[in-house]
Amino acid sequence: MRSVHTDAINELLPDGNPDFPDILQAFGAARRNPVAGSSSKSYAIELSIVMPCLNEADTLGVCILKAQAAIHDLNVDAEIIIADNGSTDGSQEIARELGARVVNVTARGYGNALKGGIEASRGRFVIMGDADDSYDFGEIGKFLIPLRAGADLVQGCRLPKGGGTILPGAMPLLHRWPGNPMLTLLVRKLFQAPINDVYCGLRGFTRQLFDDLDLRCTGMEFATEMVIKTARFGKTIRETPITLHPDGRKSHPPHLRTFRDGWRTLRFFLLYSPRWFYIVPGLFLVLLGVVGYVMALPGISVFGATLDVHTLLVASLTVLVGTQSLQFGVFARIFAVSQGLLPESEKADRLIRYASPERGLLFGGTCCAIGLIMLSVESIHWWQSGFGRLDYSQTMRFVIPAVTLIALGYQTVISTFMCGLLLMSRRPTTK
């Protein structure tokens, strides 16, 4: 019986290309005789092309046909996987008619769809790309060649800075100018990833890399998590210029939401960088507080303004907040390494191990003892004055540092014990 989608598929066939019937026949045979699954060390085929899909009937067929033509031209042993995320417009039937393998992913989200499709792949290399016809799957050779040469990740670049091309109407101005370049700059600076277009959805990577990275994000951040973790773990990244075409969908707008997904990406950057989110701000605040103490204790005047106890109070606040930020940075670092989110670092681990509960007790206990002694001295002075009114400009110069030392000491003790608890959860490494 003739499929209800056959006529629509025939309309997608490029005119004058006699190879396309052969291509369709070959992929139909592959669908009827699927190859056996593979392990992480032995792969049944060389390449898997994975396309996430959610109601992409407008463009899915032409994307599959372009991928099939490229596979045919490259003469590569490959499969096409459609990771369907609950389509209701017949996308699955279109994919099957064209010989692609459909993998149903029930957990919603861009990242979930891609992970489901990649986990079902059987190729040594994986190329992923959106099914909206904005990416030309005829360009997959640009990714396959560097992958064969040893690259772990080959990132596409649509932006002119990296040699890419954006056709008119293919990318909103808000994405092209402030959004994508800004987020890419953050990735380059925070994570030393050598790329110019972090959001490009057309990329290739080894299946082994995907298995090693243990990606966690389920939404649009999945693509940026892959780039960041690849860079953090010292894997090889290459970039290849591509052309971005206008979205071919007519029945619904793009799934990407500018501000929501932009914020989620920025939030992920901050969560994934304990150094810049916790450590650097913490060091700055502690340094600022120390400078405040140095200037406020003797009552130094700056540009006619005398820095007194009020400055001392603000300085204490910055010291305490900065110290807490540093402590949370250590917690985040230990947790991230224990969960495989960040690679181990000998220098960082040595510093963390130095912050043992015993040293915390010694340092924190000393701070608390000094603070209590200072408070006791001021309490004696108050008792000697008959518990009357005090000269706050003088007494607070002792009370504020005393209270700060006690709080700092207590924080240090409980933080080092927390570090010890987190370190117990880390798996021991053997060499």
Foldseek 3Di string as FASTA:
>chain_A
DDDPCVVVLVVLDDPPDVCQVVLQVVLLVCLVPPDDADDLVDFPFAEEEEAEDAQQPQQQSNQLSLLSVLCVVVVGGYAYEYLYADHDNCSVVSCVSSNHHYFYFPDDAPQSSVVRRLVPGRHQKYKYDYRQPQFRSSPCVQAVVVVVVPAAKEAEDQAVVQPADEPPQQDDPCCRPPQQQVLVVLLCVQQVQPDRGQQHGTMMGGSSLVVLQPQDDRYSLSSNLSRRSCSQVPGGYHYDYGYGDHGRDDPDDDPDDVPVVSVVNVVVSLLLRLCVNQVVQLVVLLVVLVVLLVQALVQHDDPNRTRALVSNLVSLVSNLVSVVSNLVSLVSVLQCCQVSSGPDDPVSVVVLVVLALVVLCVQLVVLLVVLVVLVVVLVVVCVVVVVDDDDCRPSSSSNSSSVSSNSVSVVSNVSNVVSVVSNVSHDDDDD
